[in-house]
Amino acid sequence: MTTILDLRQIQRDLSELRERKALVFGSEGHRFKLNPPLDEKGIRDFERDHGVSLPQDYRYFLSSIGNGGAGPFYGIFSLGKMDGLAGKTVSWREGDGLIGSLRSPFPLRESWNDLTELRALEGLSVDSTEFERELEKYEAAHWDSSRMNGALPISHMGCALRVWLVVTGDEAGFLWRDGRADDSGISPLLLRDGSKARFASWYLEWLSDALIGVEEK
């Protein structure tokens, strides 16, 4: 079943959250405000440059609702942006060490968390050359950008944990949680009912939860 994003309803819900000064995790950054939408040319240029077609629900959000802004966690990134230092957003590019090849298929179908190289550090002195060598080996494998081929970052969860949207491969349209920063691996992002999250369902569930939280106070 397709989840529909209703522009006017989203605007009403965000307005209510602003007016009631809702205390929602991460909202101090976006204050329940959306960025202006991105024009069709901007979206087409991005798709052409990266050789992808953005999922329809996400594409509609960018073109008709907002090019980032209010959303789950610390909000939705503008297209082509991600979290940088000191809470600022920065432009990303393929092959920058974190972003893989968007036109290549996303490699995962189930959760991944290989800590084999990390376990090799156990028992080693942190001051030893061997420790440094094994740590570098672990980080190179763990953070290999090809692990996120076919996906782009859309939200920062805090502490370098992120939500990615798959745009190429069997998982296209689904969201994945990147927990490599705290060694919790890469896994499908799930909704409350345990189903795999797509952009629209995830966004609307966040709005619903935020409004319920306001009503309960």
N, C-alpha and C. Protein backbone atom coordinates (compact mmCIF):
# COMPACT_ATOMS: atom_id res chain seq x y z
N MET A 1 0.85 -1.19 0.00
CA MET A 1 0.00 0.00 0.00
C MET A 1 0.89 1.25 0.00
N THR A 2 0.56 2.20 -0.87
CA THR A 2 1.33 3.44 -0.98
C THR A 2 0.91 4.44 0.09
N THR A 3 1.86 4.98 0.79
CA THR A 3 1.58 6.01 1.80
C THR A 3 1.65 7.38 1.12
N ILE A 4 0.60 8.17 1.30
CA ILE A 4 0.51 9.47 0.65
C ILE A 4 0.97 10.58 1.59
N LEU A 5 1.82 11.44 1.07
CA LEU A 5 2.23 12.63 1.81
C LEU A 5 1.30 13.78 1.44
N ASP A 6 0.55 14.28 2.40
CA ASP A 6 -0.40 15.36 2.19
C ASP A 6 0.24 16.68 2.63
N LEU A 7 0.58 17.53 1.67
CA LEU A 7 1.28 18.78 1.97
C LEU A 7 0.56 19.60 3.02
N ARG A 8 -0.72 19.83 2.84
CA ARG A 8 -1.45 20.70 3.77
C ARG A 8 -1.54 20.10 5.17
N GLN A 9 -1.74 18.79 5.24
CA GLN A 9 -1.81 18.16 6.56
C GLN A 9 -0.46 18.24 7.27
N ILE A 10 0.61 18.02 6.53
CA ILE A 10 1.94 18.11 7.12
C ILE A 10 2.20 19.53 7.61
N GLN A 11 1.82 20.51 6.82
CA GLN A 11 2.00 21.91 7.24
C GLN A 11 1.20 22.22 8.50
N ARG A 12 -0.03 21.71 8.57
CA ARG A 12 -0.86 21.94 9.76
C ARG A 12 -0.24 21.28 10.99
N ASP A 13 0.23 20.05 10.80
CA ASP A 13 0.82 19.33 11.94
C ASP A 13 2.08 20.02 12.44
N LEU A 14 2.93 20.45 11.53
CA LEU A 14 4.16 21.14 11.93
C LEU A 14 3.84 22.47 12.60
N SER A 15 2.83 23.15 12.10
CA SER A 15 2.42 24.42 12.71
C SER A 15 1.96 24.21 14.14
N GLU A 16 1.19 23.15 14.35
CA GLU A 16 0.72 22.85 15.71
C GLU A 16 1.89 22.54 16.63
N LEU A 17 2.85 21.77 16.14
CA LEU A 17 4.02 21.43 16.96
C LEU A 17 4.83 22.68 17.30
N ARG A 18 4.95 23.59 16.36
CA ARG A 18 5.66 24.85 16.63
C ARG A 18 4.92 25.67 17.68
N GLU A 19 3.61 25.83 17.48
CA GLU A 19 2.81 26.67 18.38
C GLU A 19 2.81 26.14 19.80
N ARG A 20 2.83 24.82 19.92
CA ARG A 20 2.77 24.22 21.25
C ARG A 20 4.16 23.97 21.83
N LYS A 21 5.17 24.42 21.08
CA LYS A 21 6.57 24.28 21.53
C LYS A 21 6.86 22.84 21.98
N ALA A 22 6.51 21.93 21.12
CA ALA A 22 6.68 20.50 21.42
C ALA A 22 8.14 20.16 21.69
N LEU A 23 8.36 19.35 22.71
CA LEU A 23 9.70 18.88 23.05
C LEU A 23 9.93 17.53 22.39
N VAL A 24 10.51 17.57 21.22
CA VAL A 24 10.76 16.36 20.43
C VAL A 24 12.25 16.28 20.16
N PHE A 25 12.82 15.09 20.33
CA PHE A 25 14.26 14.91 20.14
C PHE A 25 14.71 15.51 18.81
N GLY A 26 15.74 16.34 18.86
CA GLY A 26 16.35 16.91 17.67
C GLY A 26 15.68 18.15 17.11
N SER A 27 14.49 18.48 17.64
CA SER A 27 13.72 19.58 17.04
C SER A 27 14.34 20.96 17.28
N GLU A 28 15.27 21.05 18.23
CA GLU A 28 15.91 22.35 18.46
C GLU A 28 16.70 22.80 17.23
N GLY A 29 17.05 21.85 16.38
CA GLY A 29 17.79 22.20 15.17
C GLY A 29 16.91 22.70 14.04
N HIS A 30 15.75 22.08 13.86
CA HIS A 30 14.89 22.47 12.73
C HIS A 30 13.66 23.28 13.15
N ARG A 31 13.31 23.24 14.45
CA ARG A 31 12.19 24.00 14.99
C ARG A 31 10.89 23.79 14.20
N PHE A 32 10.74 22.58 13.70
CA PHE A 32 9.53 22.18 12.96
C PHE A 32 9.28 23.04 11.72
N LYS A 33 10.37 23.52 11.12
CA LYS A 33 10.25 24.32 9.90
C LYS A 33 10.87 23.57 8.73
N LEU A 34 10.22 23.67 7.58
CA LEU A 34 10.71 23.04 6.36
C LEU A 34 11.50 24.04 5.52
N ASN A 35 12.47 23.53 4.78
CA ASN A 35 13.14 24.36 3.79
C ASN A 35 12.22 24.53 2.57
N PRO A 36 12.44 25.54 1.76
CA PRO A 36 11.66 25.66 0.52
C PRO A 36 11.86 24.42 -0.35
N PRO A 37 10.84 24.03 -1.12
CA PRO A 37 10.98 22.87 -2.01
C PRO A 37 12.09 23.09 -3.04
N LEU A 38 12.56 21.98 -3.59
CA LEU A 38 13.58 22.02 -4.64
C LEU A 38 12.87 21.95 -6.00
N ASP A 39 13.28 22.77 -6.93
CA ASP A 39 12.60 22.76 -8.23
C ASP A 39 12.92 21.48 -9.00
N GLU A 40 12.08 21.20 -9.98
CA GLU A 40 12.20 19.97 -10.76
C GLU A 40 13.56 19.86 -11.44
N LYS A 41 14.08 20.97 -11.91
CA LYS A 41 15.39 20.94 -12.57
C LYS A 41 16.47 20.49 -11.61
N GLY A 42 16.43 20.98 -10.37
CA GLY A 42 17.43 20.59 -9.39
C GLY A 42 17.40 19.10 -9.11
N ILE A 43 16.20 18.54 -9.07
CA ILE A 43 16.07 17.10 -8.82
C ILE A 43 16.55 16.31 -10.03
N ARG A 44 16.13 16.73 -11.22
CA ARG A 44 16.56 16.02 -12.44
C ARG A 44 18.07 16.08 -12.61
N ASP A 45 18.66 17.23 -12.30
CA ASP A 45 20.12 17.36 -12.42
C ASP A 45 20.81 16.38 -11.47
N PHE A 46 20.30 16.27 -10.25
CA PHE A 46 20.89 15.34 -9.28
C PHE A 46 20.78 13.91 -9.80
N GLU A 47 19.61 13.55 -10.28
CA GLU A 47 19.40 12.18 -10.79
C GLU A 47 20.31 11.90 -11.98
N ARG A 48 20.45 12.85 -12.86
CA ARG A 48 21.32 12.67 -14.03
C ARG A 48 22.78 12.54 -13.61
N ASP A 49 23.21 13.42 -12.72
CA ASP A 49 24.62 13.42 -12.30
C ASP A 49 25.01 12.12 -11.62
N HIS A 50 24.06 11.51 -10.90
CA HIS A 50 24.38 10.30 -10.13
C HIS A 50 23.85 9.02 -10.76
N GLY A 51 23.15 9.14 -11.88
CA GLY A 51 22.65 7.95 -12.58
C GLY A 51 21.60 7.18 -11.82
N VAL A 52 20.69 7.91 -11.13
CA VAL A 52 19.67 7.25 -10.31
C VAL A 52 18.30 7.89 -10.55
N SER A 53 17.26 7.18 -10.11
CA SER A 53 15.91 7.75 -10.04
C SER A 53 15.52 7.72 -8.57
N LEU A 54 15.22 8.86 -8.00
CA LEU A 54 14.86 8.91 -6.58
C LEU A 54 13.50 8.27 -6.36
N PRO A 55 13.31 7.58 -5.22
CA PRO A 55 12.00 7.00 -4.89
C PRO A 55 10.92 8.08 -4.93
N GLN A 56 9.74 7.72 -5.42
CA GLN A 56 8.69 8.71 -5.67
C GLN A 56 8.27 9.48 -4.43
N ASP A 57 8.14 8.80 -3.29
CA ASP A 57 7.69 9.52 -2.09
C ASP A 57 8.71 10.56 -1.65
N TYR A 58 9.98 10.20 -1.71
CA TYR A 58 11.04 11.14 -1.34
C TYR A 58 11.13 12.26 -2.36
N ARG A 59 11.00 11.91 -3.62
CA ARG A 59 11.05 12.91 -4.69
C ARG A 59 9.93 13.93 -4.53
N TYR A 60 8.74 13.44 -4.20
CA TYR A 60 7.60 14.34 -4.01
C TYR A 60 7.85 15.26 -2.81
N PHE A 61 8.41 14.70 -1.75
CA PHE A 61 8.72 15.51 -0.56
C PHE A 61 9.64 16.66 -0.94
N LEU A 62 10.70 16.36 -1.67
CA LEU A 62 11.67 17.39 -2.06
C LEU A 62 11.04 18.46 -2.94
N SER A 63 10.21 18.05 -3.88
CA SER A 63 9.68 18.98 -4.88
C SER A 63 8.44 19.74 -4.43
N SER A 64 7.67 19.16 -3.50
CA SER A 64 6.39 19.76 -3.14
C SER A 64 6.25 20.15 -1.68
N ILE A 65 7.06 19.55 -0.81
CA ILE A 65 6.92 19.81 0.63
C ILE A 65 8.12 20.60 1.15
N GLY A 66 9.31 20.09 0.98
CA GLY A 66 10.48 20.83 1.44
C GLY A 66 11.76 20.10 1.09
N ASN A 67 12.77 20.84 0.71
CA ASN A 67 14.10 20.27 0.46
C ASN A 67 14.84 20.17 1.78
N GLY A 68 14.32 19.28 2.62
CA GLY A 68 14.90 19.10 3.95
C GLY A 68 14.23 19.99 4.98
N GLY A 69 14.72 19.88 6.20
CA GLY A 69 14.15 20.63 7.31
C GLY A 69 13.51 19.71 8.32
N ALA A 70 12.37 20.10 8.86
CA ALA A 70 11.71 19.35 9.94
C ALA A 70 11.53 17.88 9.59
N GLY A 71 11.87 17.03 10.55
CA GLY A 71 11.73 15.60 10.34
C GLY A 71 12.31 14.82 11.50
N PRO A 72 12.32 13.50 11.40
CA PRO A 72 12.83 12.66 12.47
C PRO A 72 14.27 13.01 12.87
N PHE A 73 14.58 12.72 14.13
CA PHE A 73 15.91 12.98 14.68
C PHE A 73 16.27 14.46 14.51
N TYR A 74 17.40 14.76 13.85
CA TYR A 74 17.79 16.16 13.68
C TYR A 74 17.28 16.76 12.37
N GLY A 75 16.28 16.12 11.80
CA GLY A 75 15.66 16.65 10.59
C GLY A 75 16.13 15.95 9.33
N ILE A 76 15.57 16.38 8.21
CA ILE A 76 15.89 15.81 6.90
C ILE A 76 16.95 16.68 6.23
N PHE A 77 17.99 16.04 5.71
CA PHE A 77 19.01 16.79 4.97
C PHE A 77 18.44 17.34 3.67
N SER A 78 18.94 18.49 3.25
CA SER A 78 18.69 18.93 1.88
C SER A 78 19.36 17.93 0.94
N LEU A 79 18.85 17.81 -0.27
CA LEU A 79 19.40 16.85 -1.22
C LEU A 79 20.88 17.14 -1.47
N GLY A 80 21.70 16.10 -1.31
CA GLY A 80 23.14 16.25 -1.53
C GLY A 80 23.91 16.78 -0.35
N LYS A 81 23.24 16.92 0.80
CA LYS A 81 23.89 17.43 2.01
C LYS A 81 23.87 16.37 3.10
N MET A 82 24.72 16.58 4.11
CA MET A 82 24.74 15.70 5.28
C MET A 82 25.34 16.47 6.46
N ASP A 83 25.36 15.82 7.62
CA ASP A 83 25.91 16.47 8.81
C ASP A 83 27.41 16.64 8.69
N GLY A 84 27.87 17.81 9.16
CA GLY A 84 29.30 18.08 9.20
C GLY A 84 29.71 18.41 10.62
N LEU A 85 30.74 19.20 10.78
CA LEU A 85 31.22 19.57 12.10
C LEU A 85 30.38 20.69 12.70
N ALA A 86 30.31 20.72 14.02
CA ALA A 86 29.64 21.80 14.77
C ALA A 86 28.19 21.99 14.36
N GLY A 87 27.52 20.89 14.02
CA GLY A 87 26.11 20.96 13.71
C GLY A 87 25.77 21.54 12.35
N LYS A 88 26.77 21.81 11.53
CA LYS A 88 26.52 22.38 10.21
C LYS A 88 26.40 21.27 9.17
N THR A 89 25.64 21.55 8.10
CA THR A 89 25.54 20.59 7.02
C THR A 89 26.57 20.92 5.94
N VAL A 90 27.03 19.88 5.27
CA VAL A 90 28.03 20.05 4.21
C VAL A 90 27.59 19.24 2.99
N SER A 91 28.11 19.62 1.84
CA SER A 91 27.84 18.86 0.62
C SER A 91 28.67 17.59 0.64
N TRP A 92 28.11 16.51 0.15
CA TRP A 92 28.87 15.28 0.01
C TRP A 92 29.08 14.97 -1.47
N ARG A 93 30.02 14.07 -1.73
CA ARG A 93 30.22 13.62 -3.10
C ARG A 93 30.58 12.15 -3.07
N GLU A 94 30.25 11.47 -4.14
CA GLU A 94 30.58 10.05 -4.23
C GLU A 94 32.10 9.86 -4.16
N GLY A 95 32.50 8.83 -3.42
CA GLY A 95 33.92 8.55 -3.30
C GLY A 95 34.64 9.43 -2.31
N ASP A 96 33.89 10.12 -1.43
CA ASP A 96 34.53 11.01 -0.45
C ASP A 96 34.99 10.27 0.80
N GLY A 97 34.88 8.95 0.79
CA GLY A 97 35.29 8.16 1.95
C GLY A 97 34.12 7.63 2.74
N LEU A 98 32.93 8.20 2.54
CA LEU A 98 31.73 7.74 3.23
C LEU A 98 30.64 7.34 2.24
N ILE A 99 30.44 8.17 1.22
CA ILE A 99 29.42 7.92 0.21
C ILE A 99 29.99 6.99 -0.86
N GLY A 100 29.24 5.94 -1.18
CA GLY A 100 29.69 5.02 -2.21
C GLY A 100 29.23 5.47 -3.59
N SER A 101 29.02 4.52 -4.48
CA SER A 101 28.52 4.80 -5.82
C SER A 101 27.01 4.66 -5.82
N LEU A 102 26.29 5.75 -6.05
CA LEU A 102 24.83 5.71 -5.98
C LEU A 102 24.23 4.83 -7.08
N ARG A 103 24.89 4.73 -8.22
CA ARG A 103 24.32 3.95 -9.32
C ARG A 103 24.59 2.45 -9.15
N SER A 104 25.46 2.09 -8.21
CA SER A 104 25.72 0.67 -7.93
C SER A 104 24.68 0.14 -6.95
N PRO A 105 24.28 -1.14 -7.07
CA PRO A 105 23.24 -1.69 -6.19
C PRO A 105 23.66 -1.68 -4.72
N PHE A 106 22.72 -1.37 -3.85
CA PHE A 106 22.96 -1.47 -2.41
C PHE A 106 23.25 -2.93 -2.10
N PRO A 107 24.34 -3.23 -1.38
CA PRO A 107 24.81 -4.61 -1.23
C PRO A 107 24.08 -5.48 -0.21
N LEU A 108 23.27 -4.89 0.66
CA LEU A 108 22.69 -5.66 1.76
C LEU A 108 21.23 -6.02 1.52
N ARG A 109 20.82 -7.15 2.09
CA ARG A 109 19.41 -7.54 2.14
C ARG A 109 18.99 -7.80 3.57
N GLU A 110 19.97 -7.98 4.44
CA GLU A 110 19.71 -8.19 5.86
C GLU A 110 20.77 -7.48 6.68
N SER A 111 20.55 -7.39 7.98
CA SER A 111 21.47 -6.65 8.86
C SER A 111 22.90 -7.17 8.74
N TRP A 112 23.84 -6.24 8.85
CA TRP A 112 25.27 -6.58 8.78
C TRP A 112 25.99 -5.93 9.95
N ASN A 113 26.88 -6.70 10.58
CA ASN A 113 27.72 -6.13 11.64
C ASN A 113 28.91 -7.05 11.89
N ASP A 114 29.90 -6.95 11.05
CA ASP A 114 31.08 -7.80 11.16
C ASP A 114 32.12 -7.11 12.04
N LEU A 115 32.28 -7.63 13.26
CA LEU A 115 33.24 -7.05 14.20
C LEU A 115 34.49 -7.93 14.34
N THR A 116 34.71 -8.79 13.36
CA THR A 116 35.84 -9.72 13.42
C THR A 116 37.16 -9.00 13.65
N GLU A 117 37.41 -7.97 12.86
CA GLU A 117 38.67 -7.24 12.98
C GLU A 117 38.78 -6.54 14.33
N LEU A 118 37.65 -6.09 14.88
CA LEU A 118 37.67 -5.42 16.18
C LEU A 118 38.07 -6.39 17.28
N ARG A 119 37.58 -7.61 17.18
CA ARG A 119 37.91 -8.62 18.20
C ARG A 119 39.40 -8.95 18.19
N ALA A 120 40.04 -8.72 17.06
CA ALA A 120 41.48 -8.98 16.97
C ALA A 120 42.28 -8.04 17.86
N LEU A 121 41.64 -6.94 18.31
CA LEU A 121 42.33 -5.98 19.17
C LEU A 121 42.37 -6.43 20.63
N GLU A 122 41.51 -7.37 20.97
CA GLU A 122 41.43 -7.80 22.37
C GLU A 122 42.76 -8.37 22.83
N GLY A 123 43.20 -7.91 23.96
CA GLY A 123 44.45 -8.41 24.53
C GLY A 123 45.69 -7.68 24.06
N LEU A 124 45.53 -6.77 23.10
CA LEU A 124 46.69 -6.02 22.61
C LEU A 124 46.84 -4.72 23.39
N SER A 125 48.06 -4.32 23.63
CA SER A 125 48.31 -3.04 24.28
C SER A 125 47.95 -1.90 23.33
N VAL A 126 47.21 -0.91 23.86
CA VAL A 126 46.78 0.21 23.00
C VAL A 126 47.96 1.02 22.50
N ASP A 127 49.11 0.86 23.13
CA ASP A 127 50.30 1.60 22.71
C ASP A 127 51.14 0.83 21.69
N SER A 128 50.73 -0.37 21.35
CA SER A 128 51.56 -1.20 20.49
C SER A 128 51.32 -0.91 19.01
N THR A 129 52.34 -1.18 18.22
CA THR A 129 52.22 -1.02 16.76
C THR A 129 51.19 -1.98 16.20
N GLU A 130 51.15 -3.17 16.78
CA GLU A 130 50.20 -4.18 16.31
C GLU A 130 48.75 -3.72 16.53
N PHE A 131 48.51 -3.06 17.68
CA PHE A 131 47.16 -2.53 17.96
C PHE A 131 46.77 -1.51 16.90
N GLU A 132 47.69 -0.59 16.61
CA GLU A 132 47.41 0.44 15.61
C GLU A 132 47.14 -0.17 14.24
N ARG A 133 47.92 -1.20 13.90
CA ARG A 133 47.77 -1.84 12.60
C ARG A 133 46.41 -2.54 12.50
N GLU A 134 46.03 -3.26 13.56
CA GLU A 134 44.74 -3.97 13.56
C GLU A 134 43.57 -3.00 13.58
N LEU A 135 43.74 -1.87 14.30
CA LEU A 135 42.67 -0.88 14.34
C LEU A 135 42.46 -0.25 12.96
N GLU A 136 43.55 0.05 12.28
CA GLU A 136 43.45 0.62 10.94
C GLU A 136 42.77 -0.37 9.99
N LYS A 137 43.10 -1.65 10.17
CA LYS A 137 42.51 -2.68 9.33
C LYS A 137 41.00 -2.76 9.55
N TYR A 138 40.63 -2.71 10.83
CA TYR A 138 39.20 -2.76 11.19
C TYR A 138 38.46 -1.56 10.62
N GLU A 139 39.00 -0.36 10.82
CA GLU A 139 38.31 0.85 10.37
C GLU A 139 38.21 0.90 8.86
N ALA A 140 39.24 0.45 8.16
CA ALA A 140 39.20 0.45 6.70
C ALA A 140 38.09 -0.47 6.19
N ALA A 141 37.96 -1.64 6.81
CA ALA A 141 36.92 -2.58 6.39
C ALA A 141 35.54 -2.11 6.81
N HIS A 142 35.44 -1.62 8.05
CA HIS A 142 34.15 -1.23 8.62
C HIS A 142 33.55 -0.03 7.90
N TRP A 143 34.41 0.93 7.52
CA TRP A 143 33.94 2.16 6.91
C TRP A 143 34.14 2.21 5.40
N ASP A 144 34.40 1.08 4.79
CA ASP A 144 34.53 1.03 3.34
C ASP A 144 33.27 1.64 2.70
N SER A 145 33.44 2.66 1.87
CA SER A 145 32.28 3.37 1.32
C SER A 145 31.40 2.48 0.45
N SER A 146 31.96 1.40 -0.08
CA SER A 146 31.15 0.51 -0.92
C SER A 146 30.05 -0.18 -0.13
N ARG A 147 30.17 -0.19 1.19
CA ARG A 147 29.10 -0.77 2.01
C ARG A 147 27.79 0.01 1.84
N MET A 148 27.91 1.29 1.47
CA MET A 148 26.71 2.11 1.30
C MET A 148 26.46 2.46 -0.17
N ASN A 149 27.01 1.65 -1.08
CA ASN A 149 26.68 1.84 -2.48
C ASN A 149 25.16 1.86 -2.65
N GLY A 150 24.69 2.67 -3.59
CA GLY A 150 23.26 2.67 -3.89
C GLY A 150 22.39 3.36 -2.87
N ALA A 151 22.99 4.13 -1.96
CA ALA A 151 22.20 4.79 -0.91
C ALA A 151 22.75 6.19 -0.64
N LEU A 152 21.88 7.06 -0.13
CA LEU A 152 22.31 8.41 0.24
C LEU A 152 21.81 8.75 1.64
N PRO A 153 22.60 9.51 2.40
CA PRO A 153 22.20 9.86 3.77
C PRO A 153 21.10 10.91 3.76
N ILE A 154 20.06 10.71 4.59
CA ILE A 154 18.97 11.68 4.61
C ILE A 154 18.71 12.26 6.00
N SER A 155 19.28 11.67 7.05
CA SER A 155 19.03 12.21 8.39
C SER A 155 20.14 11.79 9.35
N HIS A 156 20.44 12.70 10.29
CA HIS A 156 21.44 12.44 11.33
C HIS A 156 20.72 12.11 12.62
N MET A 157 21.01 10.94 13.18
CA MET A 157 20.36 10.49 14.41
C MET A 157 21.08 10.99 15.65
N GLY A 158 22.28 11.56 15.45
CA GLY A 158 23.12 11.96 16.57
C GLY A 158 24.30 11.02 16.71
N CYS A 159 25.43 11.54 17.18
CA CYS A 159 26.63 10.73 17.45
C CYS A 159 27.10 9.96 16.22
N ALA A 160 26.98 10.58 15.04
CA ALA A 160 27.43 10.00 13.76
C ALA A 160 26.62 8.78 13.33
N LEU A 161 25.46 8.57 13.92
CA LEU A 161 24.53 7.54 13.45
C LEU A 161 23.61 8.20 12.43
N ARG A 162 23.31 7.49 11.34
CA ARG A 162 22.54 8.11 10.26
C ARG A 162 21.48 7.19 9.68
N VAL A 163 20.52 7.83 9.01
CA VAL A 163 19.51 7.11 8.24
C VAL A 163 19.85 7.31 6.76
N TRP A 164 19.85 6.20 6.02
CA TRP A 164 20.16 6.25 4.59
C TRP A 164 18.95 5.77 3.80
N LEU A 165 18.75 6.36 2.63
CA LEU A 165 17.70 5.95 1.71
C LEU A 165 18.33 5.21 0.54
N VAL A 166 17.88 3.99 0.32
CA VAL A 166 18.41 3.20 -0.80
C VAL A 166 17.74 3.65 -2.10
N VAL A 167 18.55 3.89 -3.12
CA VAL A 167 18.03 4.36 -4.40
C VAL A 167 18.32 3.40 -5.55
N THR A 168 19.18 2.41 -5.32
CA THR A 168 19.54 1.46 -6.38
C THR A 168 19.62 0.05 -5.81
N GLY A 169 19.03 -0.91 -6.53
CA GLY A 169 19.08 -2.30 -6.09
C GLY A 169 17.76 -2.79 -5.54
N ASP A 170 17.75 -4.02 -5.04
CA ASP A 170 16.53 -4.65 -4.55
C ASP A 170 15.89 -3.89 -3.39
N GLU A 171 16.71 -3.17 -2.61
CA GLU A 171 16.19 -2.44 -1.45
C GLU A 171 15.80 -1.00 -1.77
N ALA A 172 15.78 -0.63 -3.03
CA ALA A 172 15.45 0.74 -3.42
C ALA A 172 14.11 1.16 -2.83
N GLY A 173 14.10 2.34 -2.22
CA GLY A 173 12.89 2.87 -1.60
C GLY A 173 12.82 2.65 -0.10
N PHE A 174 13.65 1.73 0.41
CA PHE A 174 13.65 1.45 1.85
C PHE A 174 14.74 2.25 2.56
N LEU A 175 14.53 2.47 3.85
CA LEU A 175 15.49 3.17 4.70
C LEU A 175 16.31 2.18 5.50
N TRP A 176 17.58 2.52 5.69
CA TRP A 176 18.48 1.69 6.50
C TRP A 176 19.14 2.56 7.56
N ARG A 177 19.35 1.95 8.72
CA ARG A 177 20.01 2.62 9.85
C ARG A 177 21.49 2.27 9.81
N ASP A 178 22.34 3.30 9.84
CA ASP A 178 23.79 3.11 9.85
C ASP A 178 24.30 3.35 11.26
N GLY A 179 24.59 2.26 11.97
CA GLY A 179 25.07 2.36 13.34
C GLY A 179 26.54 2.01 13.48
N ARG A 180 27.30 2.13 12.40
CA ARG A 180 28.71 1.75 12.48
C ARG A 180 29.48 2.58 13.49
N ALA A 181 29.05 3.80 13.76
CA ALA A 181 29.78 4.66 14.70
C ALA A 181 29.77 4.11 16.11
N ASP A 182 28.75 3.33 16.46
CA ASP A 182 28.74 2.71 17.80
C ASP A 182 28.81 1.19 17.71
N ASP A 183 29.31 0.72 16.56
CA ASP A 183 29.53 -0.72 16.33
C ASP A 183 28.24 -1.53 16.37
N SER A 184 27.10 -0.90 16.03
CA SER A 184 25.84 -1.65 15.98
C SER A 184 25.47 -2.03 14.56
N GLY A 185 26.35 -1.75 13.60
CA GLY A 185 26.16 -2.25 12.25
C GLY A 185 25.17 -1.47 11.40
N ILE A 186 24.81 -2.08 10.28
CA ILE A 186 23.89 -1.49 9.32
C ILE A 186 22.67 -2.40 9.24
N SER A 187 21.49 -1.83 9.42
CA SER A 187 20.29 -2.67 9.50
C SER A 187 19.08 -1.94 8.92
N PRO A 188 18.06 -2.71 8.47
CA PRO A 188 16.85 -2.06 7.97
C PRO A 188 16.21 -1.21 9.06
N LEU A 189 15.73 -0.03 8.71
CA LEU A 189 15.01 0.81 9.66
C LEU A 189 13.57 0.31 9.70
N LEU A 190 13.06 0.09 10.90
CA LEU A 190 11.73 -0.50 11.06
C LEU A 190 10.74 0.50 11.65
N LEU A 191 9.49 0.37 11.24
CA LEU A 191 8.41 1.16 11.82
C LEU A 191 7.94 0.49 13.10
N ARG A 192 7.01 1.12 13.79
CA ARG A 192 6.51 0.57 15.06
C ARG A 192 5.97 -0.85 14.90
N ASP A 193 5.32 -1.12 13.76
CA ASP A 193 4.70 -2.44 13.57
C ASP A 193 5.70 -3.50 13.10
N GLY A 194 6.97 -3.12 13.01
CA GLY A 194 8.00 -4.07 12.62
C GLY A 194 8.24 -4.16 11.12
N SER A 195 7.46 -3.42 10.33
CA SER A 195 7.65 -3.44 8.88
C SER A 195 8.80 -2.51 8.49
N LYS A 196 9.37 -2.78 7.33
CA LYS A 196 10.49 -1.98 6.85
C LYS A 196 10.02 -0.59 6.42
N ALA A 197 10.76 0.41 6.82
CA ALA A 197 10.34 1.80 6.60
C ALA A 197 10.69 2.29 5.20
N ARG A 198 9.72 2.96 4.60
CA ARG A 198 9.96 3.79 3.42
C ARG A 198 9.89 5.24 3.88
N PHE A 199 10.31 6.15 3.02
CA PHE A 199 10.40 7.54 3.45
C PHE A 199 9.07 8.08 3.97
N ALA A 200 8.00 7.94 3.19
CA ALA A 200 6.72 8.55 3.56
C ALA A 200 6.18 7.97 4.85
N SER A 201 6.21 6.65 5.00
CA SER A 201 5.66 6.02 6.21
C SER A 201 6.48 6.41 7.44
N TRP A 202 7.78 6.51 7.28
CA TRP A 202 8.67 6.91 8.37
C TRP A 202 8.41 8.35 8.79
N TYR A 203 8.27 9.22 7.81
CA TYR A 203 8.04 10.64 8.11
C TYR A 203 6.70 10.84 8.82
N LEU A 204 5.66 10.20 8.32
CA LEU A 204 4.33 10.37 8.91
C LEU A 204 4.25 9.72 10.29
N GLU A 205 4.97 8.63 10.50
CA GLU A 205 4.97 8.03 11.83
C GLU A 205 5.64 8.97 12.83
N TRP A 206 6.70 9.63 12.40
CA TRP A 206 7.36 10.61 13.27
C TRP A 206 6.39 11.74 13.63
N LEU A 207 5.69 12.27 12.66
CA LEU A 207 4.73 13.34 12.91
C LEU A 207 3.65 12.89 13.88
N SER A 208 3.14 11.69 13.66
CA SER A 208 2.09 11.15 14.53
C SER A 208 2.59 11.02 15.96
N ASP A 209 3.79 10.47 16.13
CA ASP A 209 4.35 10.30 17.47
C ASP A 209 4.57 11.65 18.15
N ALA A 210 5.04 12.63 17.38
CA ALA A 210 5.28 13.96 17.95
C ALA A 210 3.98 14.59 18.43
N LEU A 211 2.91 14.44 17.67
CA LEU A 211 1.62 15.01 18.05
C LEU A 211 1.02 14.29 19.25
N ILE A 212 1.18 12.97 19.29
CA ILE A 212 0.70 12.20 20.44
C ILE A 212 1.42 12.66 21.71
N GLY A 213 2.73 12.90 21.59
CA GLY A 213 3.51 13.37 22.73
C GLY A 213 3.01 14.70 23.26
N VAL A 214 2.59 15.58 22.36
CA VAL A 214 2.05 16.88 22.75
C VAL A 214 0.73 16.70 23.48
N GLU A 215 -0.13 15.83 22.96
CA GLU A 215 -1.45 15.62 23.56
C GLU A 215 -1.35 15.02 24.96
N GLU A 216 -0.31 14.22 25.18
CA GLU A 216 -0.18 13.54 26.48
C GLU A 216 0.35 14.45 27.56
N LYS A 217 0.88 15.61 27.19
CA LYS A 217 1.46 16.52 28.20
C LYS A 217 0.39 17.45 28.77
